[in-house]
Every structure is written in C-alpha cells, then in structure tokens.
C-alpha cells in the first residue's frame, strides 16, 4: 500500500487549534515557539485565544496552519514515525504545499513560517479584506460549478478555483459575485453551498 500525507490549506483554521498538542507534548510546544520567534510575533496566542478575525487574516492563517501541521508531525516522529520509510508522497492544498515541504525536510519550520508570512501579506494586499470571498459548492460536478461561477460573475470575477474532489468545488472572486454563486448553486441542486472562512479570494484572477 502506498501512503501519502496531505496537508490542509486556508479555511481549515479555528481558534484553539494546536493548544491541546502544545499542552500535552514538548515537541509540539517547540514548533510553536520556533514559529513565534521566526515571525517576531506571539502567533500562538492568536491561534489559541483569537479573535477569530485576526486568525483568519491570510498573513496569520498561513503560518498558523503550517505550525499545527508540523507540530503534529514532530509528535508523530518522536513516537516512532519515520516519514521517509513510511510515506511515499507529501502534498498540500495551497499553503499546505509549504507544510509538506517542511515535513519532508526541504524547508525548516522557521523558513516556512517566514515565507508564508510574505506570501500571506502579498495575497492579502492583492485584494483588501472584505472585497473578495470563496465558497464551497457541495454536490455539483466541476462543469456545473463553472457554469454557476460564470452566471454569477455579472461583470465581476467569479471562478471555479479548486476542484477538490468529485462533487466538491470551491468558487472564488468578488464577494457579491460569490454570494450570487451560492444562490445559483442551490437552485441547481447543490447539497450545500457555504462561504469559507478566508480573508481573500485565493486561486482566482484577482490574485494576479
């Protein structure tokens, strides 16, 4: 059997994430301390105590999610996981690619944190908070999601941005257009259509 580790991207964050790991395992605490030091910020305090809108900001969410992923890896490794001998592939959704590189040893944690802060700032600067959005459309094929996005655009940007799995597509663009896409998707039979907790419209032309 071939095993792959896949690391999450933005939208997976929640206040309190990683705190139980840090409280329980020294290896996890060391990762959070390393990230805090690399960024010159007590990011762990934002992660564990919020507020939610501060954690959702791209510049915070990206290194925070990487920190939790790598803290989890360090705990597993300290208890016998040999990544190189057990896992054939590492991959990630968007910022999760950086977590995957750090897990595989291509980047150290501090470098990954600093890169993700730069990446997060650049992405947020492309579209100010509140102007863009992303939504998950569940139960629609990709081709239908593309039609939904095109119908919702109405002169703005709305694109099918992430083809995550059959029946799970994310649309991204201007906030009003994404809101329209949610309503159109529901009318087309989507099982669920919901906004994602992100502060910018990733993986669409607005990021250019």
C-alpha atoms as a PDB file:
ATOM      1  CA  UNK A   1       0.000   0.000   0.000  1.00  0.00           C
ATOM      2  CA  UNK A   2       1.278   3.468  -0.920  1.00  0.00           C
ATOM      3  CA  UNK A   3       0.836   6.133   1.756  1.00  0.00           C
ATOM      4  CA  UNK A   4       0.687   9.900   1.181  1.00  0.00           C
ATOM      5  CA  UNK A   5       0.383  12.713   3.716  1.00  0.00           C
ATOM      6  CA  UNK A   6      -1.710  15.675   2.550  1.00  0.00           C
ATOM      7  CA  UNK A   7      -1.614  18.939   4.472  1.00  0.00           C
ATOM      8  CA  UNK A   8      -4.540  21.378   4.764  1.00  0.00           C
ATOM      9  CA  UNK A   9      -4.892  24.859   3.318  1.00  0.00           C
ATOM     10  CA  UNK A  10      -6.602  28.047   4.403  1.00  0.00           C
ATOM     11  CA  UNK A  11     -10.129  27.789   5.679  1.00  0.00           C
ATOM     12  CA  UNK A  12      -9.131  24.907   7.985  1.00  0.00           C
ATOM     13  CA  UNK A  13      -8.113  27.217  10.829  1.00  0.00           C
ATOM     14  CA  UNK A  14     -10.052  27.630  14.061  1.00  0.00           C
ATOM     15  CA  UNK A  15      -9.314  29.407  17.319  1.00  0.00           C
ATOM     16  CA  UNK A  16      -7.801  26.949  19.786  1.00  0.00           C
ATOM     17  CA  UNK A  17      -6.144  24.757  17.175  1.00  0.00           C
ATOM     18  CA  UNK A  18      -2.936  23.154  18.358  1.00  0.00           C
ATOM     19  CA  UNK A  19      -3.328  24.149  22.018  1.00  0.00           C
ATOM     20  CA  UNK A  20      -4.010  20.627  23.258  1.00  0.00           C
ATOM     21  CA  UNK A  21      -0.968  19.423  21.324  1.00  0.00           C
ATOM     22  CA  UNK A  22       1.194  22.125  22.893  1.00  0.00           C
ATOM     23  CA  UNK A  23      -0.155  21.458  26.378  1.00  0.00           C
ATOM     24  CA  UNK A  24       0.494  17.732  26.023  1.00  0.00           C
ATOM     25  CA  UNK A  25       3.718  17.371  24.027  1.00  0.00           C
ATOM     26  CA  UNK A  26       7.030  19.206  24.343  1.00  0.00           C
ATOM     27  CA  UNK A  27       7.792  18.520  20.685  1.00  0.00           C
ATOM     28  CA  UNK A  28       4.683  20.451  19.651  1.00  0.00           C
ATOM     29  CA  UNK A  29       5.453  23.344  22.006  1.00  0.00           C
ATOM     30  CA  UNK A  30       8.890  23.633  20.437  1.00  0.00           C
ATOM     31  CA  UNK A  31       7.381  24.085  16.965  1.00  0.00           C
ATOM     32  CA  UNK A  32       5.012  26.840  18.110  1.00  0.00           C
ATOM     33  CA  UNK A  33       7.859  28.594  19.919  1.00  0.00           C
ATOM     34  CA  UNK A  34      10.035  28.375  16.804  1.00  0.00           C
ATOM     35  CA  UNK A  35       7.297  29.908  14.645  1.00  0.00           C
ATOM     36  CA  UNK A  36       6.690  32.704  17.180  1.00  0.00           C
ATOM     37  CA  UNK A  37      10.396  33.506  17.223  1.00  0.00           C
ATOM     38  CA  UNK A  38      10.748  33.391  13.430  1.00  0.00           C
ATOM     39  CA  UNK A  39       7.887  35.848  12.976  1.00  0.00           C
ATOM     40  CA  UNK A  40       8.720  38.087  15.928  1.00  0.00           C
ATOM     41  CA  UNK A  41       5.089  37.717  16.971  1.00  0.00           C
ATOM     42  CA  UNK A  42       3.223  35.615  19.521  1.00  0.00           C
ATOM     43  CA  UNK A  43       1.235  33.929  16.747  1.00  0.00           C
ATOM     44  CA  UNK A  44       0.460  31.050  19.106  1.00  0.00           C
ATOM     45  CA  UNK A  45      -1.549  33.459  21.285  1.00  0.00           C
ATOM     46  CA  UNK A  46      -3.674  34.443  18.268  1.00  0.00           C
ATOM     47  CA  UNK A  47      -4.102  30.769  17.382  1.00  0.00           C
ATOM     48  CA  UNK A  48      -5.237  29.741  20.841  1.00  0.00           C
ATOM     49  CA  UNK A  49      -7.132  32.819  22.016  1.00  0.00           C
ATOM     50  CA  UNK A  50      -8.233  34.620  18.855  1.00  0.00           C
ATOM     51  CA  UNK A  51     -10.001  36.720  17.969  1.00  0.00           C
ATOM     52  CA  UNK A  52     -11.251  34.714  15.015  1.00  0.00           C
ATOM     53  CA  UNK A  53     -10.965  37.585  12.527  1.00  0.00           C
ATOM     54  CA  UNK A  54      -7.287  38.015  13.428  1.00  0.00           C
ATOM     55  CA  UNK A  55      -6.577  34.314  12.889  1.00  0.00           C
ATOM     56  CA  UNK A  56      -8.472  34.365   9.583  1.00  0.00           C
ATOM     57  CA  UNK A  57      -6.212  37.083   8.175  1.00  0.00           C
ATOM     58  CA  UNK A  58      -4.087  35.473   5.484  1.00  0.00           C
ATOM     59  CA  UNK A  59      -0.776  36.560   6.998  1.00  0.00           C
ATOM     60  CA  UNK A  60      -1.681  34.747  10.234  1.00  0.00           C
ATOM     61  CA  UNK A  61      -3.704  31.779   8.993  1.00  0.00           C
ATOM     62  CA  UNK A  62      -0.996  30.517   6.639  1.00  0.00           C
ATOM     63  CA  UNK A  63       1.907  30.192   9.122  1.00  0.00           C
ATOM     64  CA  UNK A  64      -0.545  29.102  11.834  1.00  0.00           C
ATOM     65  CA  UNK A  65      -1.821  26.134   9.837  1.00  0.00           C
ATOM     66  CA  UNK A  66       1.714  25.174   8.908  1.00  0.00           C
ATOM     67  CA  UNK A  67       2.684  25.323  12.593  1.00  0.00           C
ATOM     68  CA  UNK A  68      -0.106  22.939  13.606  1.00  0.00           C
ATOM     69  CA  UNK A  69       0.748  20.551  10.770  1.00  0.00           C
ATOM     70  CA  UNK A  70       4.427  20.464  11.711  1.00  0.00           C
ATOM     71  CA  UNK A  71       3.700  20.218  15.427  1.00  0.00           C
ATOM     72  CA  UNK A  72       1.614  17.146  14.649  1.00  0.00           C
ATOM     73  CA  UNK A  73       4.433  15.695  12.552  1.00  0.00           C
ATOM     74  CA  UNK A  74       7.015  16.248  15.297  1.00  0.00           C
ATOM     75  CA  UNK A  75       4.796  14.472  17.842  1.00  0.00           C
ATOM     76  CA  UNK A  76       4.376  11.515  15.476  1.00  0.00           C
ATOM     77  CA  UNK A  77       8.094  11.413  14.679  1.00  0.00           C
ATOM     78  CA  UNK A  78       9.016  11.468  18.376  1.00  0.00           C
ATOM     79  CA  UNK A  79       6.843   8.395  18.790  1.00  0.00           C
ATOM     80  CA  UNK A  80       8.431   6.372  16.033  1.00  0.00           C
ATOM     81  CA  UNK A  81       7.124   7.625  12.692  1.00  0.00           C
ATOM     82  CA  UNK A  82       9.915   7.589  10.101  1.00  0.00           C
ATOM     83  CA  UNK A  83       8.408   9.715   7.351  1.00  0.00           C
ATOM     84  CA  UNK A  84      10.925   8.719   4.700  1.00  0.00           C
ATOM     85  CA  UNK A  85      10.431   4.994   5.171  1.00  0.00           C
ATOM     86  CA  UNK A  86       6.636   5.011   5.645  1.00  0.00           C
ATOM     87  CA  UNK A  87       5.341   7.785   3.390  1.00  0.00           C
ATOM     88  CA  UNK A  88       5.836   7.797  -0.379  1.00  0.00           C
ATOM     89  CA  UNK A  89       4.429  11.261  -1.100  1.00  0.00           C
ATOM     90  CA  UNK A  90       3.680  14.532   0.666  1.00  0.00           C
ATOM     91  CA  UNK A  91       1.335  17.130  -0.809  1.00  0.00           C
ATOM     92  CA  UNK A  92      -0.795  20.027   0.293  1.00  0.00           C
ATOM     93  CA  UNK A  93      -3.649  22.334  -0.568  1.00  0.00           C
ATOM     94  CA  UNK A  94      -2.152  25.743  -1.404  1.00  0.00           C
ATOM     95  CA  UNK A  95      -0.178  26.809   1.707  1.00  0.00           C
ATOM     96  CA  UNK A  96      -0.207  23.115   2.613  1.00  0.00           C
ATOM     97  CA  UNK A  97       2.466  22.672  -0.049  1.00  0.00           C
ATOM     98  CA  UNK A  98       4.829  24.574   2.259  1.00  0.00           C
ATOM     99  CA  UNK A  99       3.827  22.357   5.180  1.00  0.00           C
ATOM    100  CA  UNK A 100       4.553  19.331   3.001  1.00  0.00           C
ATOM    101  CA  UNK A 101       7.994  20.690   2.071  1.00  0.00           C
ATOM    102  CA  UNK A 102       8.780  21.339   5.738  1.00  0.00           C
ATOM    103  CA  UNK A 103       7.550  17.881   6.751  1.00  0.00           C
ATOM    104  CA  UNK A 104       9.838  16.339   4.135  1.00  0.00           C
ATOM    105  CA  UNK A 105      12.799  18.410   5.317  1.00  0.00           C
ATOM    106  CA  UNK A 106      13.119  20.633   2.245  1.00  0.00           C
ATOM    107  CA  UNK A 107      12.364  23.712   4.390  1.00  0.00           C
ATOM    108  CA  UNK A 108      12.936  24.223   8.084  1.00  0.00           C
ATOM    109  CA  UNK A 109       9.965  25.397  10.139  1.00  0.00           C
ATOM    110  CA  UNK A 110      11.273  28.933  10.673  1.00  0.00           C
ATOM    111  CA  UNK A 111      11.912  29.448   6.961  1.00  0.00           C
ATOM    112  CA  UNK A 112       8.476  28.076   6.080  1.00  0.00           C
ATOM    113  CA  UNK A 113       6.863  30.447   8.594  1.00  0.00           C
ATOM    114  CA  UNK A 114       8.661  33.488   7.182  1.00  0.00           C
ATOM    115  CA  UNK A 115       7.856  32.512   3.592  1.00  0.00           C
ATOM    116  CA  UNK A 116       4.185  32.049   4.457  1.00  0.00           C
ATOM    117  CA  UNK A 117       4.061  35.443   6.168  1.00  0.00           C
ATOM    118  CA  UNK A 118       5.456  37.064   2.996  1.00  0.00           C
ATOM    119  CA  UNK A 119       3.096  35.007   0.826  1.00  0.00           C
ATOM    120  CA  UNK A 120       0.140  35.842   3.040  1.00  0.00           C
ATOM    121  CA  UNK A 121       0.876  39.564   3.014  1.00  0.00           C
ATOM    122  CA  UNK A 122       1.218  39.570  -0.779  1.00  0.00           C
ATOM    123  CA  UNK A 123      -2.050  37.701  -1.263  1.00  0.00           C
ATOM    124  CA  UNK A 124      -3.926  39.956   1.164  1.00  0.00           C
ATOM    125  CA  UNK A 125      -2.515  43.090  -0.463  1.00  0.00           C
ATOM    126  CA  UNK A 126      -3.856  41.906  -3.823  1.00  0.00           C
ATOM    127  CA  UNK A 127      -7.444  42.135  -2.529  1.00  0.00           C
ATOM    128  CA  UNK A 128      -8.261  44.076   0.663  1.00  0.00           C
ATOM    129  CA  UNK A 129     -10.215  42.334   3.416  1.00  0.00           C
ATOM    130  CA  UNK A 130     -13.934  42.285   2.696  1.00  0.00           C
ATOM    131  CA  UNK A 131     -13.749  42.672  -1.084  1.00  0.00           C
ATOM    132  CA  UNK A 132     -13.260  39.026  -2.018  1.00  0.00           C
ATOM    133  CA  UNK A 133     -14.605  35.677  -0.888  1.00  0.00           C
ATOM    134  CA  UNK A 134     -14.618  31.938  -1.523  1.00  0.00           C
ATOM    135  CA  UNK A 135     -17.422  29.401  -1.216  1.00  0.00           C
ATOM    136  CA  UNK A 136     -17.578  25.609  -1.231  1.00  0.00           C
ATOM    137  CA  UNK A 137     -20.196  24.061  -3.510  1.00  0.00           C
ATOM    138  CA  UNK A 138     -21.019  20.508  -2.470  1.00  0.00           C
ATOM    139  CA  UNK A 139     -22.896  18.109  -4.696  1.00  0.00           C
ATOM    140  CA  UNK A 140     -22.156  19.733  -8.057  1.00  0.00           C
ATOM    141  CA  UNK A 141     -19.800  18.463 -10.763  1.00  0.00           C
ATOM    142  CA  UNK A 142     -16.956  20.730 -11.807  1.00  0.00           C
ATOM    143  CA  UNK A 143     -18.550  21.593 -15.155  1.00  0.00           C
ATOM    144  CA  UNK A 144     -21.733  22.699 -13.405  1.00  0.00           C
ATOM    145  CA  UNK A 145     -19.701  24.725 -10.901  1.00  0.00           C
ATOM    146  CA  UNK A 146     -18.019  26.511 -13.813  1.00  0.00           C
ATOM    147  CA  UNK A 147     -21.454  27.369 -15.205  1.00  0.00           C
ATOM    148  CA  UNK A 148     -22.539  28.628 -11.786  1.00  0.00           C
ATOM    149  CA  UNK A 149     -19.458  30.852 -11.493  1.00  0.00           C
ATOM    150  CA  UNK A 150     -19.918  32.272 -14.990  1.00  0.00           C
ATOM    151  CA  UNK A 151     -23.575  33.046 -14.316  1.00  0.00           C
ATOM    152  CA  UNK A 152     -22.733  34.680 -11.009  1.00  0.00           C
ATOM    153  CA  UNK A 153     -19.927  36.899 -12.305  1.00  0.00           C
ATOM    154  CA  UNK A 154     -22.110  39.575 -13.931  1.00  0.00           C
ATOM    155  CA  UNK A 155     -19.109  41.724 -14.809  1.00  0.00           C
ATOM    156  CA  UNK A 156     -17.162  40.817 -11.686  1.00  0.00           C
ATOM    157  CA  UNK A 157     -14.748  37.953 -11.077  1.00  0.00           C
ATOM    158  CA  UNK A 158     -16.171  34.597 -10.033  1.00  0.00           C
ATOM    159  CA  UNK A 159     -14.276  31.451 -10.985  1.00  0.00           C
ATOM    160  CA  UNK A 160     -14.238  27.764 -10.159  1.00  0.00           C
ATOM    161  CA  UNK A 161     -10.944  27.846  -8.294  1.00  0.00           C
ATOM    162  CA  UNK A 162     -10.454  24.459  -6.609  1.00  0.00           C
ATOM    163  CA  UNK A 163     -11.602  21.102  -7.955  1.00  0.00           C
ATOM    164  CA  UNK A 164     -11.097  19.332  -4.630  1.00  0.00           C
ATOM    165  CA  UNK A 165     -12.986  16.119  -5.335  1.00  0.00           C
ATOM    166  CA  UNK A 166     -15.982  14.872  -7.306  1.00  0.00           C
ATOM    167  CA  UNK A 167     -18.880  16.951  -6.050  1.00  0.00           C
ATOM    168  CA  UNK A 168     -16.704  19.378  -4.063  1.00  0.00           C
ATOM    169  CA  UNK A 169     -15.699  22.563  -5.896  1.00  0.00           C
ATOM    170  CA  UNK A 170     -14.674  25.945  -4.492  1.00  0.00           C
ATOM    171  CA  UNK A 171     -15.515  29.196  -6.280  1.00  0.00           C
ATOM    172  CA  UNK A 172     -13.543  32.395  -5.715  1.00  0.00           C
ATOM    173  CA  UNK A 173     -13.883  36.052  -6.660  1.00  0.00           C
ATOM    174  CA  UNK A 174     -15.570  39.293  -5.696  1.00  0.00           C
ATOM    175  CA  UNK A 175     -17.689  38.882  -2.575  1.00  0.00           C
ATOM    176  CA  UNK A 176     -21.006  39.865  -4.188  1.00  0.00           C
ATOM    177  CA  UNK A 177     -20.374  37.502  -7.104  1.00  0.00           C
ATOM    178  CA  UNK A 178     -19.551  34.615  -4.775  1.00  0.00           C
ATOM    179  CA  UNK A 179     -22.730  35.322  -2.816  1.00  0.00           C
ATOM    180  CA  UNK A 180     -24.675  35.110  -6.085  1.00  0.00           C
ATOM    181  CA  UNK A 181     -22.912  31.844  -6.896  1.00  0.00           C
ATOM    182  CA  UNK A 182     -24.147  30.343  -3.629  1.00  0.00           C
ATOM    183  CA  UNK A 183     -27.755  31.103  -4.517  1.00  0.00           C
ATOM    184  CA  UNK A 184     -27.390  29.868  -8.109  1.00  0.00           C
ATOM    185  CA  UNK A 185     -25.708  26.674  -6.899  1.00  0.00           C
ATOM    186  CA  UNK A 186     -28.571  25.966  -4.507  1.00  0.00           C
ATOM    187  CA  UNK A 187     -31.038  26.469  -7.344  1.00  0.00           C
ATOM    188  CA  UNK A 188     -29.064  23.973  -9.430  1.00  0.00           C
ATOM    189  CA  UNK A 189     -29.317  21.336  -6.723  1.00  0.00           C
ATOM    190  CA  UNK A 190     -26.170  21.792  -4.677  1.00  0.00           C
ATOM    191  CA  UNK A 191     -26.382  19.762  -1.479  1.00  0.00           C
ATOM    192  CA  UNK A 192     -24.664  22.599   0.350  1.00  0.00           C
ATOM    193  CA  UNK A 193     -23.136  25.948  -0.639  1.00  0.00           C
ATOM    194  CA  UNK A 194     -21.321  27.918   2.040  1.00  0.00           C
ATOM    195  CA  UNK A 195     -18.821  30.741   2.423  1.00  0.00           C
ATOM    196  CA  UNK A 196     -15.341  29.717   3.554  1.00  0.00           C
ATOM    197  CA  UNK A 197     -13.583  31.443   6.474  1.00  0.00           C
ATOM    198  CA  UNK A 198     -10.900  33.170   4.415  1.00  0.00           C
ATOM    199  CA  UNK A 199      -9.911  36.825   4.101  1.00  0.00           C
ATOM    200  CA  UNK A 200      -9.172  36.918   0.361  1.00  0.00           C
ATOM    201  CA  UNK A 201     -10.306  35.231  -2.884  1.00  0.00           C
ATOM    202  CA  UNK A 202      -7.484  32.767  -3.461  1.00  0.00           C
ATOM    203  CA  UNK A 203      -6.746  30.896  -6.681  1.00  0.00           C
ATOM    204  CA  UNK A 204      -8.635  33.260  -8.967  1.00  0.00           C
ATOM    205  CA  UNK A 205      -7.545  36.038 -11.333  1.00  0.00           C
ATOM    206  CA  UNK A 206      -7.864  38.670  -8.587  1.00  0.00           C
ATOM    207  CA  UNK A 207      -4.684  37.245  -7.063  1.00  0.00           C
ATOM    208  CA  UNK A 208      -2.703  38.256 -10.147  1.00  0.00           C
END
